[in-house]
N, C-alpha and C. Protein backbone atom coordinates (compact mmCIF):
# COMPACT_ATOMS: atom_id res chain seq x y z
N MET A 1 0.84 -1.15 0.00
CA MET A 1 0.00 0.00 0.00
C MET A 1 0.90 1.23 0.00
N ALA A 2 0.49 2.23 -0.78
CA ALA A 2 1.29 3.45 -0.88
C ALA A 2 0.98 4.37 0.29
N SER A 3 2.00 4.96 0.79
CA SER A 3 1.79 5.86 1.92
C SER A 3 1.46 7.27 1.42
N ILE A 4 0.57 7.92 2.12
CA ILE A 4 0.17 9.28 1.78
C ILE A 4 1.13 10.22 2.49
N GLY A 5 1.73 11.09 1.74
CA GLY A 5 2.70 12.00 2.35
C GLY A 5 3.28 12.94 1.31
N SER A 6 4.53 13.27 1.51
CA SER A 6 5.17 14.27 0.66
C SER A 6 5.42 13.73 -0.74
N GLU A 7 5.39 12.46 -0.96
CA GLU A 7 5.65 11.90 -2.27
C GLU A 7 4.45 12.04 -3.19
N ASP A 8 3.25 12.24 -2.69
CA ASP A 8 2.05 12.30 -3.52
C ASP A 8 1.66 13.72 -3.90
N GLY A 9 2.48 14.72 -3.69
CA GLY A 9 2.15 16.07 -4.13
C GLY A 9 1.98 17.06 -3.00
N ASP A 10 2.04 16.65 -1.78
CA ASP A 10 1.94 17.59 -0.66
C ASP A 10 3.31 18.22 -0.47
N ILE A 11 3.48 19.44 -1.02
CA ILE A 11 4.80 20.06 -1.01
C ILE A 11 5.00 20.94 0.21
N GLY A 12 3.95 21.23 0.96
CA GLY A 12 4.08 22.02 2.18
C GLY A 12 4.15 23.52 1.89
N PHE A 13 4.52 24.28 2.90
CA PHE A 13 4.57 25.73 2.80
C PHE A 13 5.90 26.14 2.18
N GLN A 14 5.85 26.96 1.09
CA GLN A 14 7.05 27.43 0.41
C GLN A 14 7.35 28.86 0.82
N ILE A 15 8.51 29.11 1.37
CA ILE A 15 8.88 30.44 1.84
C ILE A 15 9.49 31.30 0.73
N ALA A 16 10.11 30.72 -0.26
CA ALA A 16 10.80 31.48 -1.31
C ALA A 16 9.85 32.41 -2.09
N PRO A 17 8.66 31.96 -2.51
CA PRO A 17 7.76 32.90 -3.21
C PRO A 17 7.29 34.05 -2.31
N MET A 18 7.13 33.77 -1.01
CA MET A 18 6.71 34.83 -0.09
C MET A 18 7.81 35.88 0.06
N VAL A 19 9.06 35.48 0.12
CA VAL A 19 10.17 36.41 0.21
C VAL A 19 10.25 37.24 -1.07
N ASP A 20 10.02 36.61 -2.22
CA ASP A 20 10.01 37.33 -3.50
C ASP A 20 8.93 38.41 -3.51
N VAL A 21 7.75 38.09 -3.01
CA VAL A 21 6.66 39.06 -2.98
C VAL A 21 7.01 40.22 -2.06
N VAL A 22 7.62 39.94 -0.92
CA VAL A 22 8.02 41.00 0.01
C VAL A 22 9.05 41.91 -0.64
N PHE A 23 10.02 41.34 -1.34
CA PHE A 23 11.03 42.17 -2.01
C PHE A 23 10.42 43.02 -3.12
N VAL A 24 9.49 42.49 -3.86
CA VAL A 24 8.82 43.27 -4.92
C VAL A 24 8.03 44.41 -4.30
N LEU A 25 7.32 44.16 -3.21
CA LEU A 25 6.58 45.23 -2.53
C LEU A 25 7.52 46.30 -2.00
N MET A 26 8.64 45.88 -1.39
CA MET A 26 9.61 46.86 -0.90
C MET A 26 10.15 47.71 -2.04
N LEU A 27 10.47 47.08 -3.15
CA LEU A 27 10.98 47.81 -4.31
C LEU A 27 9.93 48.80 -4.82
N PHE A 28 8.70 48.39 -4.89
CA PHE A 28 7.61 49.26 -5.34
C PHE A 28 7.47 50.49 -4.44
N PHE A 29 7.43 50.28 -3.13
CA PHE A 29 7.25 51.39 -2.20
C PHE A 29 8.48 52.30 -2.17
N MET A 30 9.65 51.75 -2.30
CA MET A 30 10.86 52.58 -2.32
C MET A 30 10.90 53.45 -3.57
N ALA A 31 10.52 52.88 -4.71
CA ALA A 31 10.51 53.65 -5.95
C ALA A 31 9.48 54.76 -5.89
N ASN A 32 8.33 54.51 -5.31
CA ASN A 32 7.28 55.53 -5.22
C ASN A 32 7.59 56.59 -4.16
N ALA A 33 8.37 56.24 -3.15
CA ALA A 33 8.72 57.22 -2.12
C ALA A 33 9.60 58.32 -2.71
N GLY A 34 10.43 58.00 -3.68
CA GLY A 34 11.27 59.00 -4.33
C GLY A 34 10.49 59.93 -5.23
N ALA A 35 9.31 59.52 -5.65
CA ALA A 35 8.50 60.33 -6.56
C ALA A 35 7.54 61.25 -5.82
N GLN A 36 7.60 61.26 -4.50
CA GLN A 36 6.70 62.13 -3.73
C GLN A 36 7.01 63.59 -4.03
N VAL A 37 6.00 64.40 -4.27
CA VAL A 37 6.17 65.83 -4.50
C VAL A 37 5.90 66.54 -3.20
N SER A 38 6.87 67.29 -2.75
CA SER A 38 6.67 68.01 -1.50
C SER A 38 5.94 69.32 -1.79
N GLU A 39 5.01 69.65 -0.94
CA GLU A 39 4.26 70.89 -1.10
C GLU A 39 5.11 72.05 -0.64
N GLN A 40 5.01 73.15 -1.37
CA GLN A 40 5.75 74.34 -1.02
C GLN A 40 4.79 75.51 -0.98
N GLU A 41 5.13 76.48 -0.17
CA GLU A 41 4.31 77.68 -0.10
C GLU A 41 4.70 78.62 -1.24
N LEU A 42 3.71 79.26 -1.80
CA LEU A 42 3.95 80.26 -2.83
C LEU A 42 3.98 81.63 -2.18
N GLY A 43 4.98 82.39 -2.49
CA GLY A 43 5.04 83.75 -1.97
C GLY A 43 4.14 84.65 -2.79
N ILE A 44 3.13 85.20 -2.19
CA ILE A 44 2.17 86.06 -2.88
C ILE A 44 2.18 87.42 -2.21
N ASN A 45 2.40 88.44 -3.00
CA ASN A 45 2.32 89.80 -2.50
C ASN A 45 0.95 90.36 -2.84
N LEU A 46 0.15 90.60 -1.84
CA LEU A 46 -1.18 91.12 -2.06
C LEU A 46 -1.14 92.64 -2.08
N PRO A 47 -1.96 93.25 -2.95
CA PRO A 47 -1.97 94.71 -2.97
C PRO A 47 -2.60 95.25 -1.70
N GLY A 48 -2.12 96.37 -1.29
CA GLY A 48 -2.68 96.97 -0.09
C GLY A 48 -2.04 98.30 0.18
N GLY A 49 -2.38 98.89 1.26
CA GLY A 49 -1.80 100.16 1.63
C GLY A 49 -2.63 101.31 1.09
N PRO A 50 -2.12 102.52 1.25
CA PRO A 50 -2.86 103.69 0.81
C PRO A 50 -2.94 103.77 -0.71
N ALA A 51 -3.94 104.46 -1.20
CA ALA A 51 -4.12 104.63 -2.64
C ALA A 51 -3.00 105.50 -3.19
N ALA A 52 -2.57 105.23 -4.41
CA ALA A 52 -1.49 105.98 -5.03
C ALA A 52 -1.96 107.38 -5.41
N LYS A 53 -1.03 108.32 -5.36
CA LYS A 53 -1.33 109.69 -5.75
C LYS A 53 -0.86 109.92 -7.18
N VAL A 54 -1.72 110.46 -8.00
CA VAL A 54 -1.38 110.78 -9.38
C VAL A 54 -1.73 112.24 -9.60
N ALA A 55 -0.73 113.05 -9.88
CA ALA A 55 -0.91 114.48 -10.17
C ALA A 55 -1.75 115.16 -9.10
N GLY A 56 -1.48 114.85 -7.83
CA GLY A 56 -2.16 115.54 -6.74
C GLY A 56 -3.53 115.00 -6.39
N ARG A 57 -3.98 113.95 -7.05
CA ARG A 57 -5.30 113.40 -6.71
C ARG A 57 -5.16 111.90 -6.44
N THR A 58 -6.05 111.39 -5.66
CA THR A 58 -6.00 109.97 -5.31
C THR A 58 -6.52 109.15 -6.47
N ARG A 59 -5.76 108.13 -6.79
CA ARG A 59 -6.12 107.26 -7.91
C ARG A 59 -7.19 106.27 -7.47
N PRO A 60 -8.21 106.05 -8.32
CA PRO A 60 -9.22 105.04 -7.96
C PRO A 60 -8.60 103.65 -7.99
N PRO A 61 -9.23 102.70 -7.30
CA PRO A 61 -8.69 101.35 -7.31
C PRO A 61 -8.64 100.80 -8.74
N THR A 62 -7.65 99.98 -8.99
CA THR A 62 -7.46 99.42 -10.33
C THR A 62 -8.54 98.39 -10.62
N THR A 63 -9.25 98.61 -11.70
CA THR A 63 -10.22 97.64 -12.19
C THR A 63 -9.81 97.25 -13.59
N PRO A 64 -9.89 96.00 -13.92
CA PRO A 64 -9.46 95.60 -15.26
C PRO A 64 -10.37 96.17 -16.33
N ILE A 65 -9.78 96.50 -17.44
CA ILE A 65 -10.51 96.99 -18.61
C ILE A 65 -10.75 95.78 -19.50
N MET A 66 -12.01 95.48 -19.76
CA MET A 66 -12.37 94.32 -20.56
C MET A 66 -12.62 94.75 -22.00
N LEU A 67 -11.84 94.20 -22.93
CA LEU A 67 -12.05 94.44 -24.35
C LEU A 67 -12.61 93.16 -24.95
N ASP A 68 -13.87 93.22 -25.34
CA ASP A 68 -14.53 92.06 -25.96
C ASP A 68 -14.58 92.27 -27.47
N ILE A 69 -14.31 91.20 -28.22
CA ILE A 69 -14.39 91.25 -29.68
C ILE A 69 -15.40 90.20 -30.12
N SER A 70 -16.45 90.65 -30.78
CA SER A 70 -17.48 89.70 -31.24
C SER A 70 -16.99 88.98 -32.49
N GLY A 71 -17.71 87.98 -32.90
CA GLY A 71 -17.37 87.22 -34.09
C GLY A 71 -17.41 88.06 -35.35
N GLU A 72 -18.26 89.09 -35.37
CA GLU A 72 -18.37 89.98 -36.53
C GLU A 72 -17.26 91.03 -36.53
N GLY A 73 -16.58 91.24 -35.40
CA GLY A 73 -15.50 92.21 -35.32
C GLY A 73 -15.84 93.45 -34.52
N THR A 74 -17.01 93.50 -33.89
CA THR A 74 -17.36 94.64 -33.06
C THR A 74 -16.56 94.60 -31.76
N VAL A 75 -15.95 95.73 -31.42
CA VAL A 75 -15.12 95.82 -30.21
C VAL A 75 -15.88 96.61 -29.16
N THR A 76 -15.99 96.03 -27.96
CA THR A 76 -16.62 96.74 -26.85
C THR A 76 -15.63 96.78 -25.69
N MET A 77 -15.63 97.92 -24.98
CA MET A 77 -14.78 98.07 -23.81
C MET A 77 -15.69 98.25 -22.61
N ASN A 78 -15.67 97.29 -21.70
CA ASN A 78 -16.53 97.27 -20.52
C ASN A 78 -18.00 97.49 -20.90
N GLY A 79 -18.42 96.85 -21.98
CA GLY A 79 -19.81 96.90 -22.41
C GLY A 79 -20.16 98.05 -23.35
N GLN A 80 -19.25 98.99 -23.54
CA GLN A 80 -19.49 100.16 -24.40
C GLN A 80 -18.84 99.90 -25.77
N PRO A 81 -19.61 99.99 -26.88
CA PRO A 81 -19.01 99.73 -28.20
C PRO A 81 -18.09 100.87 -28.64
N TYR A 82 -16.98 100.49 -29.26
CA TYR A 82 -16.01 101.45 -29.80
C TYR A 82 -15.63 100.99 -31.20
N GLY A 83 -15.99 101.77 -32.21
CA GLY A 83 -15.66 101.42 -33.58
C GLY A 83 -16.61 100.40 -34.15
N ASN A 84 -16.51 100.21 -35.46
CA ASN A 84 -17.35 99.22 -36.13
C ASN A 84 -16.44 98.17 -36.77
N PRO A 85 -17.01 97.07 -37.23
CA PRO A 85 -16.19 95.98 -37.77
C PRO A 85 -15.32 96.38 -38.96
N SER A 86 -15.71 97.41 -39.73
CA SER A 86 -14.91 97.80 -40.89
C SER A 86 -13.78 98.78 -40.52
N ASP A 87 -13.78 99.29 -39.30
CA ASP A 87 -12.78 100.25 -38.86
C ASP A 87 -11.53 99.49 -38.40
N LYS A 88 -10.48 99.45 -39.25
CA LYS A 88 -9.27 98.70 -38.93
C LYS A 88 -8.38 99.43 -37.94
N ARG A 89 -8.39 100.77 -37.94
CA ARG A 89 -7.53 101.53 -37.04
C ARG A 89 -8.12 101.69 -35.64
N LEU A 90 -9.42 101.53 -35.51
CA LEU A 90 -10.11 101.64 -34.23
C LEU A 90 -9.78 102.96 -33.54
N GLY A 91 -10.03 104.05 -34.23
CA GLY A 91 -9.70 105.38 -33.73
C GLY A 91 -10.37 105.72 -32.41
N GLN A 92 -11.66 105.42 -32.28
CA GLN A 92 -12.37 105.71 -31.03
C GLN A 92 -11.76 104.95 -29.85
N LEU A 93 -11.45 103.69 -30.08
CA LEU A 93 -10.86 102.87 -29.02
C LEU A 93 -9.48 103.40 -28.63
N ARG A 94 -8.67 103.76 -29.63
CA ARG A 94 -7.34 104.32 -29.35
C ARG A 94 -7.45 105.57 -28.50
N GLU A 95 -8.35 106.47 -28.87
CA GLU A 95 -8.49 107.73 -28.14
C GLU A 95 -8.95 107.49 -26.71
N LYS A 96 -9.92 106.59 -26.54
CA LYS A 96 -10.42 106.32 -25.20
C LYS A 96 -9.34 105.69 -24.32
N LEU A 97 -8.57 104.75 -24.88
CA LEU A 97 -7.49 104.12 -24.11
C LEU A 97 -6.40 105.13 -23.78
N LYS A 98 -6.04 105.98 -24.73
CA LYS A 98 -5.03 107.02 -24.46
C LYS A 98 -5.49 107.94 -23.34
N GLU A 99 -6.77 108.31 -23.39
CA GLU A 99 -7.34 109.18 -22.35
C GLU A 99 -7.26 108.50 -20.99
N MET A 100 -7.62 107.22 -20.94
CA MET A 100 -7.62 106.50 -19.67
C MET A 100 -6.21 106.33 -19.13
N PHE A 101 -5.25 106.00 -19.99
CA PHE A 101 -3.90 105.72 -19.52
C PHE A 101 -3.07 106.98 -19.32
N SER A 102 -3.45 108.09 -19.93
CA SER A 102 -2.73 109.33 -19.64
C SER A 102 -3.22 109.91 -18.32
N GLU A 103 -4.47 109.61 -17.96
CA GLU A 103 -5.05 110.13 -16.73
C GLU A 103 -4.46 109.42 -15.51
N TYR A 104 -4.18 108.14 -15.64
CA TYR A 104 -3.69 107.38 -14.49
C TYR A 104 -2.38 106.69 -14.84
N ASP A 105 -2.37 105.38 -14.86
CA ASP A 105 -1.13 104.64 -15.00
C ASP A 105 -1.27 103.61 -16.12
N ALA A 106 -0.20 103.42 -16.88
CA ALA A 106 -0.23 102.46 -17.98
C ALA A 106 -0.15 101.02 -17.49
N GLU A 107 -0.04 100.81 -16.20
CA GLU A 107 0.05 99.46 -15.65
C GLU A 107 -1.32 98.86 -15.34
N ASP A 108 -2.40 99.60 -15.54
CA ASP A 108 -3.73 99.05 -15.33
C ASP A 108 -3.93 97.84 -16.23
N PRO A 109 -4.57 96.79 -15.73
CA PRO A 109 -4.74 95.59 -16.55
C PRO A 109 -5.81 95.77 -17.64
N VAL A 110 -5.50 95.26 -18.82
CA VAL A 110 -6.44 95.22 -19.94
C VAL A 110 -6.58 93.75 -20.31
N ILE A 111 -7.82 93.28 -20.32
CA ILE A 111 -8.08 91.87 -20.63
C ILE A 111 -8.82 91.80 -21.96
N LEU A 112 -8.23 91.11 -22.92
CA LEU A 112 -8.79 90.95 -24.25
C LEU A 112 -9.54 89.63 -24.30
N ARG A 113 -10.83 89.69 -24.65
CA ARG A 113 -11.66 88.48 -24.68
C ARG A 113 -12.32 88.33 -26.05
N PRO A 114 -11.61 87.75 -27.02
CA PRO A 114 -12.24 87.53 -28.33
C PRO A 114 -13.13 86.30 -28.30
N ARG A 115 -14.17 86.33 -29.09
CA ARG A 115 -15.03 85.16 -29.25
C ARG A 115 -14.26 84.12 -30.09
N PRO A 116 -14.60 82.85 -29.98
CA PRO A 116 -13.87 81.83 -30.75
C PRO A 116 -13.94 82.04 -32.26
N GLU A 117 -15.01 82.63 -32.74
CA GLU A 117 -15.15 82.82 -34.19
C GLU A 117 -14.53 84.13 -34.69
N THR A 118 -13.89 84.90 -33.81
CA THR A 118 -13.24 86.15 -34.20
C THR A 118 -12.02 85.85 -35.05
N THR A 119 -11.83 86.63 -36.12
CA THR A 119 -10.68 86.42 -36.98
C THR A 119 -9.41 86.93 -36.30
N HIS A 120 -8.30 86.30 -36.65
CA HIS A 120 -7.02 86.71 -36.07
C HIS A 120 -6.66 88.13 -36.51
N GLU A 121 -7.06 88.49 -37.71
CA GLU A 121 -6.78 89.84 -38.21
C GLU A 121 -7.41 90.90 -37.30
N ARG A 122 -8.63 90.65 -36.85
CA ARG A 122 -9.31 91.61 -35.98
C ARG A 122 -8.64 91.68 -34.61
N ILE A 123 -8.19 90.55 -34.11
CA ILE A 123 -7.48 90.54 -32.83
C ILE A 123 -6.20 91.36 -32.95
N ILE A 124 -5.49 91.22 -34.07
CA ILE A 124 -4.27 92.00 -34.29
C ILE A 124 -4.59 93.49 -34.37
N ASP A 125 -5.73 93.85 -34.99
CA ASP A 125 -6.14 95.26 -35.04
C ASP A 125 -6.31 95.83 -33.63
N VAL A 126 -6.96 95.07 -32.76
CA VAL A 126 -7.19 95.53 -31.39
C VAL A 126 -5.88 95.59 -30.61
N LEU A 127 -5.01 94.60 -30.81
CA LEU A 127 -3.70 94.62 -30.14
C LEU A 127 -2.88 95.82 -30.59
N SER A 128 -2.95 96.16 -31.87
CA SER A 128 -2.23 97.33 -32.38
C SER A 128 -2.77 98.61 -31.78
N ALA A 129 -4.09 98.71 -31.66
CA ALA A 129 -4.69 99.90 -31.06
C ALA A 129 -4.30 100.03 -29.60
N ALA A 130 -4.25 98.91 -28.89
CA ALA A 130 -3.87 98.95 -27.48
C ALA A 130 -2.40 99.35 -27.33
N ALA A 131 -1.54 98.82 -28.17
CA ALA A 131 -0.12 99.16 -28.10
C ALA A 131 0.10 100.63 -28.43
N ALA A 132 -0.61 101.16 -29.43
CA ALA A 132 -0.47 102.56 -29.80
C ALA A 132 -0.99 103.48 -28.71
N SER A 133 -1.87 102.99 -27.86
CA SER A 133 -2.45 103.80 -26.79
C SER A 133 -1.60 103.76 -25.52
N GLY A 134 -0.56 102.95 -25.49
CA GLY A 134 0.31 102.90 -24.32
C GLY A 134 -0.04 101.83 -23.32
N VAL A 135 -0.83 100.85 -23.71
CA VAL A 135 -1.20 99.75 -22.81
C VAL A 135 0.04 98.89 -22.58
N LYS A 136 0.37 98.64 -21.32
CA LYS A 136 1.55 97.84 -20.97
C LYS A 136 1.19 96.48 -20.38
N ASN A 137 -0.01 96.35 -19.82
CA ASN A 137 -0.39 95.15 -19.11
C ASN A 137 -1.63 94.57 -19.79
N LEU A 138 -1.44 93.71 -20.79
CA LEU A 138 -2.54 93.14 -21.57
C LEU A 138 -2.48 91.64 -21.48
N SER A 139 -3.63 91.03 -21.28
CA SER A 139 -3.68 89.57 -21.25
C SER A 139 -4.97 89.10 -21.91
N PHE A 140 -5.02 87.83 -22.24
CA PHE A 140 -6.20 87.24 -22.84
C PHE A 140 -7.03 86.56 -21.74
N GLY A 141 -8.33 86.71 -21.83
CA GLY A 141 -9.19 86.12 -20.81
C GLY A 141 -10.23 85.23 -21.40
């Protein structure tokens, strides 16, 4: 009669595969520990203090100037239309911007918001008018 034991397939507990799994886990965690991104504080200077004096008068708080360009080419500044789509030089807009920036500071923010269907040529027309008016702080919104 054959005896039941290790000869019939009962191999018992194997430690080698368990050690392999532990080493793979250690390698995984060690590799991921090096990829940790440490959080850092951002230095932010917030505006504050007394209002600036310009030519003997107190300057109003800075509010961004919004230049919207419609798909047809109509330019509006803070909701007020300036020029028509066929006006490439945008004389009214130039004069208004010159007036605003000569009165206060050329560092006031100007935000250009063209519609997706606006032609690049019209955006360049508005950028040229802003540059000719002395705008220094322009961004797209």
